Structures are given as C-alpha cells and as structure tokens.
C-alpha atoms as a PDB file:
ATOM      1  CA  MET A   1     -37.215 -73.691 -37.022  1.00  0.00           C
ATOM      2  CA  ILE A   2     -40.330 -72.966 -34.862  1.00  0.00           C
ATOM      3  CA  ASN A   3     -40.197 -70.178 -32.531  1.00  0.00           C
ATOM      4  CA  SER A   4     -41.222 -71.514 -29.164  1.00  0.00           C
ATOM      5  CA  ALA A   5     -42.392 -68.336 -27.541  1.00  0.00           C
ATOM      6  CA  THR A   6     -45.094 -68.100 -30.403  1.00  0.00           C
ATOM      7  CA  PHE A   7     -45.516 -71.480 -30.910  1.00  0.00           C
ATOM      8  CA  GLN A   8     -49.490 -73.036 -30.269  1.00  0.00           C
ATOM      9  CA  PHE A   9     -50.071 -76.568 -30.559  1.00  0.00           C
ATOM     10  CA  PRO A  10     -52.609 -77.449 -33.649  1.00  0.00           C
ATOM     11  CA  TYR A  11     -56.316 -77.436 -32.849  1.00  0.00           C
ATOM     12  CA  TRP A  12     -56.552 -81.416 -33.046  1.00  0.00           C
ATOM     13  CA  PHE A  13     -54.114 -81.836 -30.419  1.00  0.00           C
ATOM     14  CA  GLN A  14     -56.108 -81.590 -27.343  1.00  0.00           C
ATOM     15  CA  ARG A  15     -56.255 -84.039 -24.459  1.00  0.00           C
ATOM     16  CA  GLU A  16     -59.666 -85.523 -24.094  1.00  0.00           C
ATOM     17  CA  GLU A  17     -59.559 -84.685 -20.219  1.00  0.00           C
ATOM     18  CA  ALA A  18     -59.112 -81.220 -21.188  1.00  0.00           C
ATOM     19  CA  ASN A  19     -62.628 -81.034 -22.819  1.00  0.00           C
ATOM     20  CA  HIS A  20     -63.979 -82.955 -19.654  1.00  0.00           C
ATOM     21  CA  SER A  21     -62.663 -81.366 -16.862  1.00  0.00           C
ATOM     22  CA  ASN A  22     -65.893 -81.547 -14.683  1.00  0.00           C
ATOM     23  CA  ASP A  23     -66.587 -85.068 -15.460  1.00  0.00           C
ATOM     24  CA  ASN A  24     -66.177 -87.531 -12.291  1.00  0.00           C
ATOM     25  CA  SER A  25     -63.444 -90.009 -11.967  1.00  0.00           C
ATOM     26  CA  GLU A  26     -65.515 -92.804 -13.152  1.00  0.00           C
ATOM     27  CA  CYS A  27     -66.446 -91.049 -16.485  1.00  0.00           C
ATOM     28  CA  ARG A  28     -62.708 -90.454 -17.149  1.00  0.00           C
ATOM     29  CA  ALA A  29     -61.600 -94.186 -16.329  1.00  0.00           C
ATOM     30  CA  LYS A  30     -64.303 -95.333 -19.015  1.00  0.00           C
ATOM     31  CA  ARG A  31     -62.572 -93.385 -21.524  1.00  0.00           C
ATOM     32  CA  THR A  32     -59.132 -94.892 -20.888  1.00  0.00           C
ATOM     33  CA  ARG A  33     -58.311 -96.814 -23.627  1.00  0.00           C
ATOM     34  CA  ASN A  34     -55.025 -98.108 -23.264  1.00  0.00           C
ATOM     35  CA  PRO A  35     -53.039 -99.324 -20.016  1.00  0.00           C
ATOM     36  CA  TRP A  36     -50.949 -95.914 -19.936  1.00  0.00           C
ATOM     37  CA  GLY A  37     -54.214 -93.603 -20.557  1.00  0.00           C
ATOM     38  CA  SER A  38     -56.294 -92.205 -23.094  1.00  0.00           C
ATOM     39  CA  MET A  39     -53.426 -91.075 -25.479  1.00  0.00           C
ATOM     40  CA  SER A  40     -52.885 -92.997 -28.518  1.00  0.00           C
ATOM     41  CA  TYR A  41     -49.421 -94.044 -29.803  1.00  0.00           C
ATOM     42  CA  ALA A  42     -49.649 -91.126 -32.394  1.00  0.00           C
ATOM     43  CA  ASP A  43     -50.475 -88.700 -29.468  1.00  0.00           C
ATOM     44  CA  MET A  44     -47.606 -89.518 -27.375  1.00  0.00           C
ATOM     45  CA  ILE A  45     -45.334 -89.348 -30.469  1.00  0.00           C
ATOM     46  CA  THR A  46     -46.822 -86.110 -31.181  1.00  0.00           C
ATOM     47  CA  GLU A  47     -46.463 -84.829 -27.862  1.00  0.00           C
ATOM     48  CA  ALA A  48     -42.827 -85.905 -27.477  1.00  0.00           C
ATOM     49  CA  ILE A  49     -41.959 -84.122 -30.815  1.00  0.00           C
ATOM     50  CA  LEU A  50     -43.537 -80.786 -30.147  1.00  0.00           C
ATOM     51  CA  ASN A  51     -42.141 -80.785 -26.749  1.00  0.00           C
ATOM     52  CA  ALA A  52     -38.436 -80.883 -28.064  1.00  0.00           C
ATOM     53  CA  PRO A  53     -36.720 -77.834 -28.299  1.00  0.00           C
ATOM     54  CA  GLU A  54     -36.383 -77.771 -32.237  1.00  0.00           C
ATOM     55  CA  LYS A  55     -39.618 -79.704 -32.623  1.00  0.00           C
ATOM     56  CA  ARG A  56     -38.022 -82.743 -34.117  1.00  0.00           C
ATOM     57  CA  LEU A  57     -36.663 -85.895 -32.781  1.00  0.00           C
ATOM     58  CA  THR A  58     -34.842 -89.165 -33.922  1.00  0.00           C
ATOM     59  CA  LEU A  59     -36.655 -92.585 -33.242  1.00  0.00           C
ATOM     60  CA  ASN A  60     -34.491 -93.408 -30.444  1.00  0.00           C
ATOM     61  CA  GLN A  61     -35.161 -89.669 -28.870  1.00  0.00           C
ATOM     62  CA  ILE A  62     -39.006 -90.451 -29.156  1.00  0.00           C
ATOM     63  CA  TYR A  63     -38.262 -93.812 -27.373  1.00  0.00           C
ATOM     64  CA  ASP A  64     -36.316 -91.982 -24.718  1.00  0.00           C
ATOM     65  CA  TRP A  65     -39.090 -89.612 -24.241  1.00  0.00           C
ATOM     66  CA  ILE A  66     -41.915 -92.080 -23.961  1.00  0.00           C
ATOM     67  CA  VAL A  67     -40.050 -94.145 -21.314  1.00  0.00           C
ATOM     68  CA  LYS A  68     -39.301 -90.996 -19.366  1.00  0.00           C
ATOM     69  CA  ASN A  69     -42.654 -89.046 -19.541  1.00  0.00           C
ATOM     70  CA  VAL A  70     -45.161 -92.015 -19.762  1.00  0.00           C
ATOM     71  CA  PRO A  71     -45.104 -93.764 -16.292  1.00  0.00           C
ATOM     72  CA  TYR A  72     -46.677 -97.132 -17.730  1.00  0.00           C
ATOM     73  CA  PHE A  73     -43.478 -97.420 -19.922  1.00  0.00           C
ATOM     74  CA  SER A  74     -40.631 -96.348 -17.333  1.00  0.00           C
ATOM     75  CA  ASN A  75     -39.896 -99.761 -16.934  1.00  0.00           C
ATOM     76  CA  LYS A  76     -40.273-101.029 -20.498  1.00  0.00           C
ATOM     77  CA  GLY A  77     -37.263 -99.688 -21.985  1.00  0.00           C
ATOM     78  CA  ASP A  78     -35.081-102.650 -21.802  1.00  0.00           C
ATOM     79  CA  ILE A  79     -34.859-104.915 -24.806  1.00  0.00           C
ATOM     80  CA  ASN A  80     -36.739-107.677 -23.531  1.00  0.00           C
ATOM     81  CA  SER A  81     -40.103-105.710 -22.650  1.00  0.00           C
ATOM     82  CA  SER A  82     -39.767-103.097 -25.638  1.00  0.00           C
ATOM     83  CA  HIS A  83     -40.157-104.798 -28.690  1.00  0.00           C
ATOM     84  CA  GLY A  84     -44.028-104.607 -28.986  1.00  0.00           C
ATOM     85  CA  TRP A  85     -44.590-101.036 -28.350  1.00  0.00           C
ATOM     86  CA  LYS A  86     -41.601 -99.696 -29.999  1.00  0.00           C
ATOM     87  CA  ASN A  87     -42.838-101.529 -33.170  1.00  0.00           C
ATOM     88  CA  SER A  88     -46.183 -99.628 -32.799  1.00  0.00           C
ATOM     89  CA  ILE A  89     -44.275 -96.375 -32.498  1.00  0.00           C
ATOM     90  CA  ARG A  90     -42.467 -97.207 -35.842  1.00  0.00           C
ATOM     91  CA  HIS A  91     -45.855 -98.396 -37.516  1.00  0.00           C
ATOM     92  CA  ASN A  92     -47.703 -95.075 -36.233  1.00  0.00           C
ATOM     93  CA  LEU A  93     -44.681 -92.826 -37.704  1.00  0.00           C
ATOM     94  CA  SER A  94     -45.150 -94.453 -41.089  1.00  0.00           C
ATOM     95  CA  LEU A  95     -49.002 -94.634 -41.019  1.00  0.00           C
ATOM     96  CA  HIS A  96     -49.891 -91.115 -40.055  1.00  0.00           C
ATOM     97  CA  GLU A  97     -49.519 -88.224 -42.476  1.00  0.00           C
ATOM     98  CA  ARG A  98     -49.041 -85.923 -39.675  1.00  0.00           C
ATOM     99  CA  PHE A  99     -45.411 -87.315 -38.973  1.00  0.00           C
ATOM    100  CA  VAL A 100     -42.586 -86.075 -41.504  1.00  0.00           C
ATOM    101  CA  ARG A 101     -39.280 -87.862 -41.846  1.00  0.00           C
ATOM    102  CA  LEU A 102     -36.400 -85.359 -42.443  1.00  0.00           C
ATOM    103  CA  ASN A 103     -33.677 -87.201 -44.183  1.00  0.00           C
ATOM    104  CA  PRO A 104     -30.308 -86.747 -42.519  1.00  0.00           C
ATOM    105  CA  ASP A 105     -27.701 -83.950 -43.683  1.00  0.00           C
ATOM    106  CA  GLY A 106     -24.189 -84.820 -44.432  1.00  0.00           C
ATOM    107  CA  GLY A 107     -22.677 -85.645 -40.955  1.00  0.00           C
ATOM    108  CA  GLU A 108     -25.952 -86.953 -39.324  1.00  0.00           C
ATOM    109  CA  LYS A 109     -26.687 -90.696 -39.212  1.00  0.00           C
ATOM    110  CA  SER A 110     -30.289 -90.832 -38.052  1.00  0.00           C
ATOM    111  CA  SER A 111     -33.371 -89.226 -39.693  1.00  0.00           C
ATOM    112  CA  PHE A 112     -35.360 -86.839 -37.828  1.00  0.00           C
ATOM    113  CA  TRP A 113     -39.285 -86.909 -37.328  1.00  0.00           C
ATOM    114  CA  THR A 114     -41.308 -83.817 -37.216  1.00  0.00           C
ATOM    115  CA  VAL A 115     -44.913 -82.991 -36.905  1.00  0.00           C
ATOM    116  CA  ASN A 116     -46.911 -81.511 -39.684  1.00  0.00           C
ATOM    117  CA  LEU A 117     -49.006 -79.114 -38.260  1.00  0.00           C
ATOM    118  CA  ASN A 118     -51.273 -78.626 -41.165  1.00  0.00           C
ATOM    119  CA  ALA A 119     -52.315 -82.344 -41.765  1.00  0.00           C
ATOM    120  CA  GLU A 120     -55.549 -83.563 -40.114  1.00  0.00           C
ATOM    121  CA  LYS A 121     -55.248 -85.544 -36.877  1.00  0.00           C
ATOM    122  CA  TYR A 122     -56.297 -88.796 -38.241  1.00  0.00           C
ATOM    123  CA  SER A 123     -55.070 -88.427 -41.694  1.00  0.00           C
ATOM    124  CA  ARG A 124     -53.345 -91.685 -43.118  1.00  0.00           C
ATOM    125  CA  ARG A 125     -51.129 -92.073 -45.927  1.00  0.00           C
ATOM    126  CA  LYS A 126     -52.423 -93.272 -48.920  1.00  0.00           C
ATOM    127  CA  GLN A 127     -51.379 -96.854 -49.772  1.00  0.00           C
ATOM    128  CA  ALA A 128     -50.414 -97.884 -52.901  1.00  0.00           C
ATOM    129  CA  LYS A 129     -52.816-100.118 -55.138  1.00  0.00           C
ATOM    130  CA  ARG A 130     -51.565-103.224 -56.155  1.00  0.00           C
ATOM    131  CA  SER A 131     -51.143-104.068 -59.532  1.00  0.00           C
ATOM    132  CA  GLU A 132     -53.996-105.959 -61.225  1.00  0.00           C
ATOM    133  CA  GLU A 133     -51.472-107.630 -63.463  1.00  0.00           C
ATOM    134  CA  SER A 134     -49.890-109.676 -60.432  1.00  0.00           C
ATOM    135  CA  ASN A 135     -52.745-111.927 -60.281  1.00  0.00           C
END
C-alpha cells in the first residue's frame, strides 16, 4: 500500500494546463482534444486510481469516479448513454502498460486496477504476433 502522506504523482502525470498557465484562454481552447477537456481516457483513469485512498479501483469504481468528477460525463452514467465511453475505458485499461490488473483474492469478486508508476506514459502492451502458419 502506498503511503498517501509521501505519495507523489509520476513525472509524466502532469496536466497540460499546468505547463501553460500563462497562456490566454484562446490557446487553451485549441489544446482541448475532447468534449470533456484535454485529458485522455488514460489520464482520467490514472487520476481516478491515484486519487483513491488505496491507489486501486475496480472497473465500476473507475466508471463512478469519472461520472462524479468529469462534468461532461455527469449525465452519461445510465445504460443508454454509457456504452461507448465505458468501452473506451476498458480498452485503455488493457492497452496501456501503466495499468496493472490485480486479480481478486479469495472473497473478492472483481479485479482491482492500479497504476504502475514506473511505466512510461504512452507505453503500450506488446501484441502477440500472429502465427505465419495460420495463412
């Protein structure tokens, strides 16, 4: 377990706005990549996990954190409007090496996800090569 009193965010987890605090709002608007702001799905997942007391969350806890803390998603928690973005969350968890799945212990049903603080920000998992024999 990480001691929250001495915990520091990894060097690569810095919001873009922090590096450009003197920019005018027009320049900031140009950096916005998504309807919810400049954070990627992977950045939102990372922030959710690192803000958790034990630095780990289940998939549903990640969904809940995003709905509660990212205004764009505040009305997108229901089943009819959540399919697409929830799929993107699952995709990012499995794609990036910075997210580590912790398998459940005896009594727990859901796996927990945590952040590997030693992984590079944009490092992706290696995909298995397809067998040449299958052609």
